[in-house]
Amino acid sequence: FGERLEAMFPTMFEHRCSEGAPGGFFSRVKHGTWMGHVIEHIALEIQTLAGMDCGFGRTRQTSAPGVYHVVFSYFEEKAGIFAARSAVAVAEALINNTVYDLAADIQTLREIREEERLGPSTGSIVEEAEKRKIPWIRLNRRSLVQLGYGKNQRRIQATVASTTSNIAVEIACDKEDTKNLLDAAQIPVPKGYVVYDEADLKSTIDKIGYPVITKPLDGNHGKGVTTNLRNWDDAVAGMNAAKKYSRAVICEKYITGRDHRVLVINYKFVAAALRTPAAVTGDGKSSIQQLIDKVNSDPRRGYGHEKVLTAIKVDDQTENILVKKNYTLQTVLAAGEELWLKPTANLSTGGTATDVTDLVHPSNVFMCERIARIIGLDICGIDIMADNLTEPVAENGGAILEVNAAPGFRMHLDPTEGIGRNVAEPVIDMLYPPGASARIPIIAISGTNGKTTTTRLIAHIVKQMGYKVGFTTTEGVYIQNQMMMQGDCTGPVSAEFVLKDPTVEYAVLECARGGILRAGLGF
């Protein structure tokens, strides 16, 4: 059994267990240990192999022989439950010496993780909040998060904050409006027009000339974008690709240069990155598919947002690029030939990012901060096509392609090359300037008899001091003396109900001992 376990999980050598040294757990198995203890370690290891580095676990026997209490940590509850079931199945397969498809379970765990966890941008803001002891509550299964409690709460969704102007987001989502506003403010933008059909497309190309780019009027993440279109058939195909995402399509002059993203937070320049699309470079021997596999074998590439870089996936966009070049996945590229596999440089499609924050010309910093003010976006990603940002964009023939609401932070937090920037810090500084509190006073009452009476008495005293009070008792939840929920409301869910309420200035919470044992405090 021990040998089969070591063969299936060689990385478990790192588990020190109570021995306190690498190989400690394998040593425990060799000398004899509980099966519950083995299952605990398998559950931790398969989560770690799926990109969730979990370390804490404990197994204790119960009064019934062969029955154990097994405790282990998880990042996402659904992943933890799946890991528990999987660990038992793996242990049974090892006992019976039958083949087990561990790779399938690890992939399922990865998919659960991507579906359940906060994305890298929201996650970085929550981590920064935790560093500052700011409490947070997840409000839905996606990325809507409450920071702080009661009247001092703020909300974020991805990288849109409760301070972000709705009209600014609307403007940024309408690429034509954005371009017109910037053009009127003497910001360099590419010439182009909104088109709805082939007649509009023809008249636009007659005015601006080839090469052109087509993109959805209200697209995001590079979806439906086709670049460097040099003839009529390609232009029509590009327009149709954009129409999958938007009825109206922008056709504009294709600007040559390198793709840069500048991040402006609270109208201050914060970071800049040079983005490169997913690409492979030929060696004269390997096929394009082999080159992609080689790039994907980089330990920094993973599934979804698992790692710094995303694995390159062959999709319709890649197939189109290959068809245009008369290539297939079996084509062998000449040594040194670089092939871009995507039309845009988004990290989510396998692109790479290089930090260039310290190289940006002061004139470009001024221009980007001005753009954020013109659109009115307090968290804003600006896409610039230019040979470099070390010279003023107005002088080197560059142009502003887009202004993005909810810009991704991943390329700045973990660039492929260069220094990672803590871009979540200025977001928290903006939401909670120095001296601003994220918390409200909380008084919690536990014990045997008289908890409800004590809670009501304290809530009344606090109310007399002029505060708007939320309190929980065995009778129900009250906000400013109005009953919101009836029943025994002394657990963490009821406490959270009070702390989510934006009218509450002071919380008085009755906490039953059973609820604390079962699910903690809720604050």
Protein backbone atom coordinates (compact mmCIF):
# COMPACT_ATOMS: atom_id res chain seq x y z
CA PHE A 1 0.00 0.00 0.00
CA GLY A 2 2.78 2.43 1.00
CA GLU A 3 4.68 1.83 -2.25
CA ARG A 4 1.55 2.37 -4.36
CA LEU A 5 0.79 5.59 -2.44
CA GLU A 6 4.34 6.89 -3.05
CA ALA A 7 4.14 5.98 -6.75
CA MET A 8 0.80 7.81 -7.16
CA PHE A 9 1.81 10.88 -5.09
CA PRO A 10 5.62 11.40 -5.30
CA THR A 11 5.06 15.08 -4.32
CA MET A 12 3.71 13.92 -0.93
CA PHE A 13 7.37 13.55 0.11
CA GLU A 14 7.04 17.23 1.13
CA HIS A 15 4.42 16.31 3.79
CA ARG A 16 6.38 16.53 7.05
CA CYS A 17 3.55 15.32 9.28
CA SER A 18 4.36 14.93 13.00
CA GLU A 19 7.93 13.80 12.12
CA GLY A 20 8.70 17.45 11.21
CA ALA A 21 10.92 16.57 8.22
CA PRO A 22 10.32 15.90 4.48
CA GLY A 23 9.21 12.29 4.02
CA GLY A 24 7.65 12.36 7.50
CA PHE A 25 4.22 11.25 6.30
CA PHE A 26 5.60 8.35 4.24
CA SER A 27 7.53 7.26 7.34
CA ARG A 28 4.27 7.30 9.37
CA VAL A 29 2.57 5.11 6.70
CA LYS A 30 5.49 2.68 6.78
CA HIS A 31 5.32 2.24 10.56
CA GLY A 32 1.50 2.12 10.58
CA THR A 33 -1.13 4.88 10.79
CA TRP A 34 -4.92 5.32 10.62
CA MET A 35 -6.61 5.15 7.20
CA GLY A 36 -8.40 8.42 8.16
CA HIS A 37 -4.94 10.03 8.46
CA VAL A 38 -3.99 8.79 4.95
CA ILE A 39 -7.27 10.17 3.50
CA GLU A 40 -6.59 13.57 5.15
CA HIS A 41 -3.20 13.79 3.38
CA ILE A 42 -4.63 12.65 0.01
CA ALA A 43 -7.37 15.33 0.26
CA LEU A 44 -4.76 18.03 0.93
CA GLU A 45 -2.42 16.83 -1.83
CA ILE A 46 -5.01 16.60 -4.65
CA GLN A 47 -6.15 20.17 -3.86
CA THR A 48 -2.52 21.34 -3.97
CA LEU A 49 -2.01 19.55 -7.32
CA ALA A 50 -5.09 21.43 -8.61
CA GLY A 51 -3.52 24.81 -7.74
CA MET A 52 -4.99 25.27 -4.24
CA ASP A 53 -2.07 24.99 -1.83
CA CYS A 54 -3.71 23.56 1.31
CA GLY A 55 -1.61 22.45 4.27
CA PHE A 56 -3.58 22.08 7.49
CA GLY A 57 -5.11 18.75 8.52
CA ARG A 58 -5.84 16.72 11.65
CA THR A 59 -7.28 13.21 12.20
CA ARG A 60 -8.62 11.99 15.55
CA GLN A 61 -10.15 8.65 16.53
CA THR A 62 -13.65 8.38 17.97
CA SER A 63 -15.07 5.96 20.53
CA ALA A 64 -16.13 3.63 17.66
CA PRO A 65 -13.23 1.55 16.26
CA GLY A 66 -12.42 2.41 12.63
CA VAL A 67 -14.41 5.68 12.71
CA TYR A 68 -12.38 8.94 12.60
CA HIS A 69 -12.90 12.68 12.69
CA VAL A 70 -10.92 14.01 9.69
CA VAL A 71 -10.34 17.76 9.37
CA PHE A 72 -8.56 19.47 6.45
CA SER A 73 -8.37 22.98 5.01
CA TYR A 74 -9.73 24.14 1.64
CA PHE A 75 -9.89 27.33 -0.43
CA GLU A 76 -13.37 26.71 -1.87
CA GLU A 77 -15.97 24.68 0.00
CA LYS A 78 -17.20 22.76 -3.09
CA ALA A 79 -13.59 21.83 -3.90
CA GLY A 80 -13.06 20.67 -0.28
CA ILE A 81 -16.13 18.41 -0.39
CA PHE A 82 -15.10 16.98 -3.78
CA ALA A 83 -11.56 16.38 -2.43
CA ALA A 84 -12.99 14.47 0.56
CA ARG A 85 -15.01 12.12 -1.67
CA SER A 86 -12.11 11.72 -4.11
CA ALA A 87 -9.60 10.97 -1.30
CA VAL A 88 -11.77 8.07 -0.04
CA ALA A 89 -12.09 6.68 -3.60
CA VAL A 90 -8.30 7.00 -4.17
CA ALA A 91 -7.55 5.23 -0.86
CA GLU A 92 -9.93 2.37 -1.79
CA ALA A 93 -8.25 2.02 -5.22
CA LEU A 94 -4.82 1.88 -3.54
CA ILE A 95 -6.03 -0.78 -1.07
CA ASN A 96 -7.51 -2.91 -3.88
CA ASN A 97 -4.56 -2.19 -6.22
CA THR A 98 -6.93 -1.04 -9.00
CA VAL A 99 -6.22 1.68 -11.60
CA TYR A 100 -7.59 5.14 -10.66
CA ASP A 101 -7.89 8.16 -13.00
CA LEU A 102 -6.36 10.78 -10.70
CA ALA A 103 -5.82 13.29 -13.56
CA ALA A 104 -9.61 13.49 -14.15
CA ASP A 105 -10.25 14.33 -10.47
CA ILE A 106 -7.54 17.00 -10.47
CA GLN A 107 -9.01 18.58 -13.62
CA THR A 108 -12.50 18.57 -12.02
CA LEU A 109 -11.00 20.30 -8.96
CA ARG A 110 -9.42 22.92 -11.24
CA GLU A 111 -12.78 23.55 -12.91
CA ILE A 112 -14.54 23.86 -9.53
CA ARG A 113 -11.83 26.29 -8.43
CA GLU A 114 -12.20 28.49 -11.53
CA GLU A 115 -16.00 28.49 -11.19
CA GLU A 116 -16.11 29.19 -7.46
CA ARG A 117 -13.16 31.36 -6.53
CA LEU A 118 -12.74 35.11 -6.90
CA GLY A 119 -10.84 36.12 -10.04
CA PRO A 120 -7.24 37.38 -9.74
CA SER A 121 -8.28 41.07 -9.83
CA THR A 122 -11.04 40.87 -7.18
CA GLY A 123 -8.89 38.41 -5.19
CA SER A 124 -5.98 40.89 -5.07
CA ILE A 125 -8.27 43.66 -3.70
CA VAL A 126 -9.66 41.28 -1.05
CA GLU A 127 -6.09 40.24 -0.08
CA GLU A 128 -5.09 43.89 0.29
CA ALA A 129 -8.20 44.46 2.46
CA GLU A 130 -7.25 41.47 4.64
CA LYS A 131 -3.74 42.92 5.12
CA ARG A 132 -5.37 46.04 6.55
CA LYS A 133 -7.76 44.02 8.78
CA ILE A 134 -10.74 45.15 6.67
CA PRO A 135 -13.47 42.47 6.89
CA TRP A 136 -15.17 41.26 3.70
CA ILE A 137 -18.28 39.27 2.72
CA ARG A 138 -18.88 37.64 -0.66
CA LEU A 139 -22.36 38.67 -1.85
CA ASN A 140 -22.81 36.28 -4.78
CA ARG A 141 -21.12 33.31 -6.45
CA ARG A 142 -19.34 35.64 -8.86
CA SER A 143 -17.19 38.63 -7.94
CA LEU A 144 -19.53 40.94 -5.99
CA VAL A 145 -17.87 41.58 -2.62
CA GLN A 146 -18.70 43.80 0.36
CA LEU A 147 -15.72 45.34 2.15
CA GLY A 148 -16.32 46.60 5.69
CA TYR A 149 -19.47 46.44 7.82
CA GLY A 150 -22.74 48.34 8.17
CA LYS A 151 -22.71 51.99 7.19
CA ASN A 152 -18.94 51.85 6.49
CA GLN A 153 -19.25 49.19 3.79
CA ARG A 154 -18.03 49.60 0.21
CA ARG A 155 -18.65 47.21 -2.67
CA ILE A 156 -16.49 45.95 -5.50
CA GLN A 157 -17.33 43.74 -8.47
CA ALA A 158 -14.25 42.62 -10.38
CA THR A 159 -12.47 46.03 -10.53
CA VAL A 160 -15.56 48.23 -10.57
CA ALA A 161 -16.04 49.90 -7.17
CA SER A 162 -19.08 51.46 -5.48
CA THR A 163 -17.34 54.80 -6.16
CA THR A 164 -17.20 54.15 -9.94
CA SER A 165 -19.53 56.35 -12.00
CA ASN A 166 -22.27 54.46 -13.86
CA ILE A 167 -22.25 56.97 -16.72
CA ALA A 168 -18.45 56.60 -17.05
CA VAL A 169 -18.85 52.81 -17.39
CA GLU A 170 -21.57 53.36 -20.03
CA ILE A 171 -19.27 55.69 -22.00
CA ALA A 172 -16.30 53.28 -21.76
CA CYS A 173 -18.52 50.39 -22.96
CA ASP A 174 -19.53 52.40 -26.04
CA LYS A 175 -16.28 52.56 -27.99
CA GLU A 176 -17.65 55.16 -30.45
CA ASP A 177 -18.66 57.58 -27.66
CA THR A 178 -15.25 57.10 -26.02
CA LYS A 179 -13.43 57.84 -29.27
CA ASN A 180 -15.51 60.96 -30.01
CA LEU A 181 -14.91 62.39 -26.52
CA LEU A 182 -11.16 61.73 -26.72
CA ASP A 183 -10.91 63.08 -30.27
CA ALA A 184 -12.67 66.29 -29.18
CA ALA A 185 -10.10 66.62 -26.36
CA GLN A 186 -7.15 66.34 -28.82
CA ILE A 187 -6.18 62.81 -27.71
CA PRO A 188 -4.75 60.78 -30.65
CA VAL A 189 -7.27 58.08 -31.70
CA PRO A 190 -7.45 55.97 -34.89
CA LYS A 191 -9.84 57.16 -37.63
CA GLY A 192 -12.92 54.96 -37.99
CA TYR A 193 -16.71 54.68 -38.06
CA VAL A 194 -19.56 52.50 -36.79
CA VAL A 195 -20.84 50.11 -39.48
CA TYR A 196 -23.96 47.94 -39.60
CA ASP A 197 -23.74 46.28 -43.01
CA GLU A 198 -21.48 45.76 -46.04
CA ALA A 199 -22.47 49.11 -47.61
CA ASP A 200 -21.33 50.98 -44.44
CA LEU A 201 -18.15 48.89 -44.35
CA LYS A 202 -17.32 49.73 -47.99
CA SER A 203 -17.85 53.47 -47.53
CA THR A 204 -15.71 53.45 -44.34
CA ILE A 205 -12.83 51.59 -46.02
CA ASP A 206 -13.04 54.00 -49.00
CA LYS A 207 -12.54 56.89 -46.54
CA ILE A 208 -9.77 55.46 -44.31
CA GLY A 209 -8.10 52.84 -46.55
CA TYR A 210 -6.56 49.46 -45.70
CA PRO A 211 -5.36 47.93 -43.39
CA VAL A 212 -8.34 48.07 -40.99
CA ILE A 213 -9.48 46.47 -37.74
CA THR A 214 -13.07 45.42 -36.88
CA LYS A 215 -14.45 45.02 -33.35
CA PRO A 216 -17.83 44.95 -31.58
CA LEU A 217 -19.12 48.37 -30.48
CA ASP A 218 -19.61 47.14 -26.89
CA GLY A 219 -17.23 44.15 -26.65
CA ASN A 220 -14.64 43.24 -24.01
CA HIS A 221 -11.71 40.86 -23.38
CA GLY A 222 -10.75 41.07 -27.07
CA LYS A 223 -13.83 39.06 -28.13
CA GLY A 224 -14.79 39.44 -31.81
CA VAL A 225 -11.74 41.58 -32.64
CA THR A 226 -9.97 41.00 -35.99
CA THR A 227 -6.85 42.99 -36.82
CA ASN A 228 -4.75 43.88 -39.89
CA LEU A 229 -7.47 43.24 -42.51
CA ARG A 230 -5.97 44.02 -45.93
CA ASN A 231 -8.69 43.03 -48.44
CA TRP A 232 -12.47 43.10 -48.87
CA ASP A 233 -13.18 39.39 -48.13
CA ASP A 234 -11.21 39.54 -44.86
CA ALA A 235 -12.95 42.80 -43.86
CA VAL A 236 -16.41 41.21 -44.37
CA ALA A 237 -15.35 38.14 -42.36
CA GLY A 238 -14.03 40.44 -39.61
CA MET A 239 -17.32 42.36 -39.49
CA ASN A 240 -19.30 39.10 -39.22
CA ALA A 241 -17.03 37.87 -36.39
CA ALA A 242 -17.69 41.12 -34.47
CA LYS A 243 -21.46 40.83 -35.11
CA LYS A 244 -21.57 37.71 -32.92
CA TYR A 245 -21.08 40.06 -29.94
CA SER A 246 -22.74 43.31 -31.05
CA ARG A 247 -25.18 44.52 -33.72
CA ALA A 248 -23.00 47.55 -34.37
CA VAL A 249 -19.35 47.11 -35.41
CA ILE A 250 -16.47 49.58 -35.34
CA CYS A 251 -14.23 49.62 -38.41
CA GLU A 252 -11.12 51.76 -37.94
CA LYS A 253 -7.63 52.25 -39.29
CA TYR A 254 -5.23 49.52 -38.15
CA ILE A 255 -2.46 51.20 -36.18
CA THR A 256 0.86 49.36 -36.20
CA GLY A 257 2.96 49.27 -33.08
CA ARG A 258 3.05 47.39 -29.81
CA ASP A 259 0.08 46.82 -27.52
CA HIS A 260 0.36 48.63 -24.17
CA ARG A 261 -2.05 48.76 -21.23
CA VAL A 262 -1.89 51.67 -18.78
CA LEU A 263 -3.73 51.46 -15.45
CA VAL A 264 -5.07 54.62 -13.80
CA ILE A 265 -6.65 54.40 -10.31
CA ASN A 266 -8.29 57.34 -8.54
CA TYR A 267 -7.19 59.42 -11.57
CA LYS A 268 -3.49 58.71 -10.83
CA PHE A 269 -1.15 56.71 -13.10
CA VAL A 270 -0.35 53.41 -11.34
CA ALA A 271 1.19 50.90 -13.78
CA ALA A 272 1.89 50.12 -17.45
CA ALA A 273 2.49 46.83 -19.26
CA LEU A 274 3.56 45.83 -22.76
CA ARG A 275 1.34 42.98 -23.94
CA THR A 276 2.28 40.36 -26.54
CA PRO A 277 -0.27 37.95 -28.06
CA ALA A 278 0.11 34.19 -27.59
CA ALA A 279 2.88 33.19 -30.00
CA VAL A 280 5.34 30.44 -30.89
CA THR A 281 8.79 30.69 -32.49
CA GLY A 282 9.93 28.07 -35.02
CA ASP A 283 13.02 25.89 -34.62
CA GLY A 284 12.97 24.33 -38.14
CA LYS A 285 12.08 20.90 -36.69
CA SER A 286 8.87 21.08 -34.62
CA SER A 287 5.29 21.41 -35.89
CA ILE A 288 3.12 24.34 -34.71
CA GLN A 289 1.20 21.93 -32.42
CA GLN A 290 4.48 20.67 -30.89
CA LEU A 291 5.62 24.28 -30.36
CA ILE A 292 2.31 25.12 -28.62
CA ASP A 293 2.68 22.02 -26.39
CA LYS A 294 6.24 23.12 -25.55
CA VAL A 295 5.09 26.65 -24.61
CA ASN A 296 2.23 25.18 -22.51
CA SER A 297 4.70 22.97 -20.63
CA ASP A 298 6.11 26.16 -19.00
CA PRO A 299 5.33 25.67 -15.26
CA ARG A 300 4.08 29.29 -15.17
CA ARG A 301 1.20 28.39 -17.52
CA GLY A 302 -1.95 26.80 -16.14
CA TYR A 303 -5.68 26.31 -16.52
CA GLY A 304 -7.75 29.53 -16.39
CA HIS A 305 -6.36 31.93 -13.76
CA GLU A 306 -4.51 29.16 -11.92
CA LYS A 307 -1.04 30.61 -12.58
CA VAL A 308 0.72 33.76 -13.83
CA LEU A 309 0.07 32.74 -17.45
CA THR A 310 -2.81 30.94 -19.16
CA ALA A 311 -2.22 27.91 -21.37
CA ILE A 312 -2.60 28.61 -25.12
CA LYS A 313 -5.76 27.03 -26.55
CA VAL A 314 -6.27 26.44 -30.27
CA ASP A 315 -9.64 28.09 -31.06
CA ASP A 316 -11.48 29.60 -34.06
CA GLN A 317 -9.24 32.71 -34.00
CA THR A 318 -6.11 30.54 -34.13
CA GLU A 319 -7.57 28.40 -36.94
CA ASN A 320 -8.39 31.57 -38.95
CA ILE A 321 -4.81 32.86 -38.58
CA LEU A 322 -3.43 29.49 -39.76
CA VAL A 323 -5.83 29.35 -42.76
CA LYS A 324 -4.79 32.88 -43.87
CA LYS A 325 -1.14 31.82 -43.82
CA ASN A 326 -1.89 28.46 -45.50
CA TYR A 327 -0.58 26.69 -42.39
CA THR A 328 -1.98 23.78 -40.39
CA LEU A 329 -1.09 22.62 -36.86
CA GLN A 330 1.29 20.11 -38.51
CA THR A 331 3.24 22.83 -40.40
CA VAL A 332 6.92 23.09 -39.38
CA LEU A 333 7.93 26.73 -38.85
CA ALA A 334 11.34 27.94 -40.11
CA ALA A 335 13.93 28.55 -37.39
CA GLY A 336 13.38 31.97 -35.82
CA GLU A 337 9.96 32.55 -37.45
CA GLU A 338 7.49 33.98 -34.92
CA LEU A 339 3.80 33.12 -35.37
CA TRP A 340 1.13 35.01 -33.45
CA LEU A 341 -1.71 32.63 -32.56
CA LYS A 342 -4.27 35.26 -31.49
CA PRO A 343 -5.25 38.65 -32.93
CA THR A 344 -5.21 40.37 -29.49
CA ALA A 345 -2.76 40.36 -26.60
CA ASN A 346 -5.15 39.43 -23.77
CA LEU A 347 -3.60 37.33 -20.98
CA SER A 348 -6.77 35.22 -20.79
CA THR A 349 -6.00 33.83 -24.30
CA GLY A 350 -2.37 32.98 -23.50
CA GLY A 351 -0.66 36.36 -24.08
CA THR A 352 2.31 37.62 -22.04
CA ALA A 353 2.97 40.92 -20.26
CA THR A 354 6.14 42.91 -19.53
CA ASP A 355 6.08 45.64 -16.88
CA VAL A 356 7.12 49.04 -18.33
CA THR A 357 5.81 51.28 -15.50
CA ASP A 358 9.17 52.98 -14.87
CA LEU A 359 9.75 53.73 -18.58
CA VAL A 360 6.60 55.78 -19.31
CA HIS A 361 7.24 59.36 -20.49
CA PRO A 362 5.81 62.09 -18.17
CA SER A 363 3.80 63.44 -21.13
CA ASN A 364 2.08 60.01 -21.48
CA VAL A 365 1.41 59.87 -17.73
CA PHE A 366 -0.30 63.28 -17.98
CA MET A 367 -2.28 62.16 -21.05
CA CYS A 368 -3.53 58.94 -19.36
CA GLU A 369 -4.58 60.75 -16.17
CA ARG A 370 -6.41 63.28 -18.36
CA ILE A 371 -8.17 60.47 -20.29
CA ALA A 372 -9.44 58.98 -16.99
CA ARG A 373 -10.89 62.41 -16.07
CA ILE A 374 -12.44 62.93 -19.54
CA ILE A 375 -14.28 59.59 -19.32
CA GLY A 376 -14.84 59.98 -15.56
CA LEU A 377 -13.54 56.49 -14.64
CA ASP A 378 -11.83 56.15 -11.25
CA ILE A 379 -10.46 52.64 -12.11
CA CYS A 380 -9.52 52.65 -15.74
CA GLY A 381 -7.43 50.60 -18.20
CA ILE A 382 -6.20 52.45 -21.29
CA ASP A 383 -5.10 50.48 -24.39
CA ILE A 384 -2.39 52.28 -26.36
CA MET A 385 -0.89 51.08 -29.64
CA ALA A 386 2.56 52.63 -30.03
CA ASP A 387 6.15 51.52 -30.69
CA ASN A 388 6.97 52.48 -27.09
CA LEU A 389 5.77 54.67 -24.21
CA THR A 390 9.19 56.21 -23.57
CA GLU A 391 8.31 58.96 -26.10
CA PRO A 392 5.09 61.03 -26.17
CA VAL A 393 2.40 59.04 -28.03
CA ALA A 394 1.40 62.19 -29.93
CA GLU A 395 4.91 62.28 -31.46
CA ASN A 396 5.65 58.61 -32.25
CA GLY A 397 2.51 57.89 -34.31
CA GLY A 398 0.74 55.92 -31.58
CA ALA A 399 -2.97 56.08 -30.74
CA ILE A 400 -5.41 55.33 -27.92
CA LEU A 401 -7.43 52.28 -28.99
CA GLU A 402 -9.80 51.80 -26.03
CA VAL A 403 -10.63 52.86 -22.48
CA ASN A 404 -11.78 49.93 -20.33
CA ALA A 405 -13.99 49.83 -17.25
CA ALA A 406 -13.19 46.88 -14.93
CA PRO A 407 -9.62 46.43 -16.26
CA GLY A 408 -7.86 43.18 -15.36
CA PHE A 409 -5.07 43.50 -12.76
CA ARG A 410 -3.35 40.18 -13.48
CA MET A 411 -0.80 41.54 -15.99
CA HIS A 412 0.36 44.15 -13.45
CA LEU A 413 0.30 41.92 -10.34
CA ASP A 414 2.30 39.09 -12.00
CA PRO A 415 3.91 40.21 -15.27
CA THR A 416 5.77 37.59 -17.30
CA GLU A 417 8.81 39.87 -17.14
CA GLY A 418 9.62 42.80 -14.87
CA ILE A 419 8.45 43.90 -11.42
CA GLY A 420 5.00 42.96 -10.13
CA ARG A 421 3.01 46.00 -8.93
CA ASN A 422 0.57 45.96 -6.01
CA VAL A 423 -2.18 47.73 -7.95
CA ALA A 424 -4.82 46.69 -5.38
CA GLU A 425 -3.25 49.07 -2.82
CA PRO A 426 -4.42 52.32 -4.50
CA VAL A 427 -7.95 50.83 -4.84
CA ILE A 428 -8.21 50.30 -1.06
CA ASP A 429 -6.60 53.75 -0.49
CA MET A 430 -9.36 55.24 -2.67
CA LEU A 431 -12.20 53.35 -0.92
CA TYR A 432 -10.83 53.94 2.59
CA PRO A 433 -8.66 57.07 2.66
CA PRO A 434 -6.37 57.51 5.73
CA GLY A 435 -8.53 57.89 8.85
CA ALA A 436 -11.64 56.24 7.33
CA SER A 437 -12.90 53.16 9.18
CA ALA A 438 -14.26 50.03 7.51
CA ARG A 439 -15.76 48.68 10.71
CA ILE A 440 -18.63 49.49 13.09
CA PRO A 441 -18.65 48.77 16.86
CA ILE A 442 -19.83 45.22 17.66
CA ILE A 443 -20.90 43.93 21.09
CA ALA A 444 -21.39 40.13 21.23
CA ILE A 445 -23.12 38.33 24.11
CA SER A 446 -22.82 34.61 24.87
CA GLY A 447 -23.40 32.40 27.94
CA THR A 448 -26.22 30.37 29.51
CA ASN A 449 -29.32 32.25 30.73
CA GLY A 450 -30.29 35.90 30.20
CA LYS A 451 -28.54 36.46 26.86
CA THR A 452 -31.62 37.89 25.10
CA THR A 453 -32.45 40.26 28.00
CA THR A 454 -28.81 41.46 28.10
CA THR A 455 -28.78 41.95 24.31
CA ARG A 456 -32.02 43.98 24.35
CA LEU A 457 -30.79 46.10 27.28
CA ILE A 458 -27.45 46.91 25.59
CA ALA A 459 -29.18 47.62 22.24
CA HIS A 460 -31.52 50.04 24.03
CA ILE A 461 -28.63 51.85 25.77
CA VAL A 462 -26.75 52.16 22.43
CA LYS A 463 -29.93 53.48 20.74
CA GLN A 464 -30.25 56.14 23.48
CA MET A 465 -26.68 57.23 22.64
CA GLY A 466 -27.98 58.15 19.14
CA TYR A 467 -26.77 55.17 17.10
CA LYS A 468 -28.80 53.23 14.52
CA VAL A 469 -28.61 49.73 16.01
CA GLY A 470 -28.95 46.26 14.51
CA PHE A 471 -29.32 43.39 16.97
CA THR A 472 -29.95 39.62 16.96
CA THR A 473 -31.75 37.52 19.59
CA THR A 474 -33.49 34.16 20.00
CA GLU A 475 -36.70 35.98 18.94
CA GLY A 476 -35.41 37.48 15.68
CA VAL A 477 -33.25 40.06 13.91
CA TYR A 478 -34.00 43.75 14.48
CA ILE A 479 -32.77 46.79 12.53
CA GLN A 480 -33.57 50.04 14.35
CA ASN A 481 -36.21 48.19 16.46
CA GLN A 482 -37.97 46.86 13.31
CA MET A 483 -38.14 43.05 13.23
CA MET A 484 -36.63 41.81 9.95
CA MET A 485 -36.60 38.05 10.62
CA GLN A 486 -38.46 35.99 13.19
CA GLY A 487 -37.12 32.90 14.97
CA ASP A 488 -33.95 31.82 16.73
CA CYS A 489 -31.45 34.18 15.10
CA THR A 490 -28.32 33.69 17.20
CA GLY A 491 -26.02 32.13 14.57
CA PRO A 492 -23.44 33.53 12.13
CA VAL A 493 -25.97 33.97 9.27
CA SER A 494 -28.06 36.37 11.39
CA ALA A 495 -24.94 38.26 12.51
CA GLU A 496 -23.94 38.65 8.85
CA PHE A 497 -27.46 39.92 8.02
CA VAL A 498 -26.97 42.82 10.46
CA LEU A 499 -23.41 43.56 9.26
CA LYS A 500 -24.54 43.62 5.59
CA ASP A 501 -27.18 46.29 6.34
CA PRO A 502 -25.89 49.70 5.14
CA THR A 503 -28.08 51.61 7.65
CA VAL A 504 -26.55 49.96 10.76
CA GLU A 505 -24.05 52.02 12.79
CA TYR A 506 -23.73 49.68 15.80
CA ALA A 507 -24.25 45.89 16.12
CA VAL A 508 -25.32 44.03 19.26
CA LEU A 509 -25.30 40.28 18.62
CA GLU A 510 -26.51 37.37 20.72
CA CYS A 511 -24.28 34.37 19.97
CA ALA A 512 -25.48 30.92 21.08
CA ARG A 513 -22.77 28.42 22.01
CA GLY A 514 -24.09 25.75 19.61
CA GLY A 515 -23.88 28.15 16.65
CA ILE A 516 -20.30 29.11 17.56
CA LEU A 517 -19.30 25.43 17.71
CA ARG A 518 -21.02 24.58 14.42
CA ALA A 519 -20.13 27.54 12.25
CA GLY A 520 -18.06 30.17 14.09
CA LEU A 521 -19.04 33.75 14.82
CA GLY A 522 -19.85 35.36 11.45
CA PHE A 523 -17.74 38.46 12.22
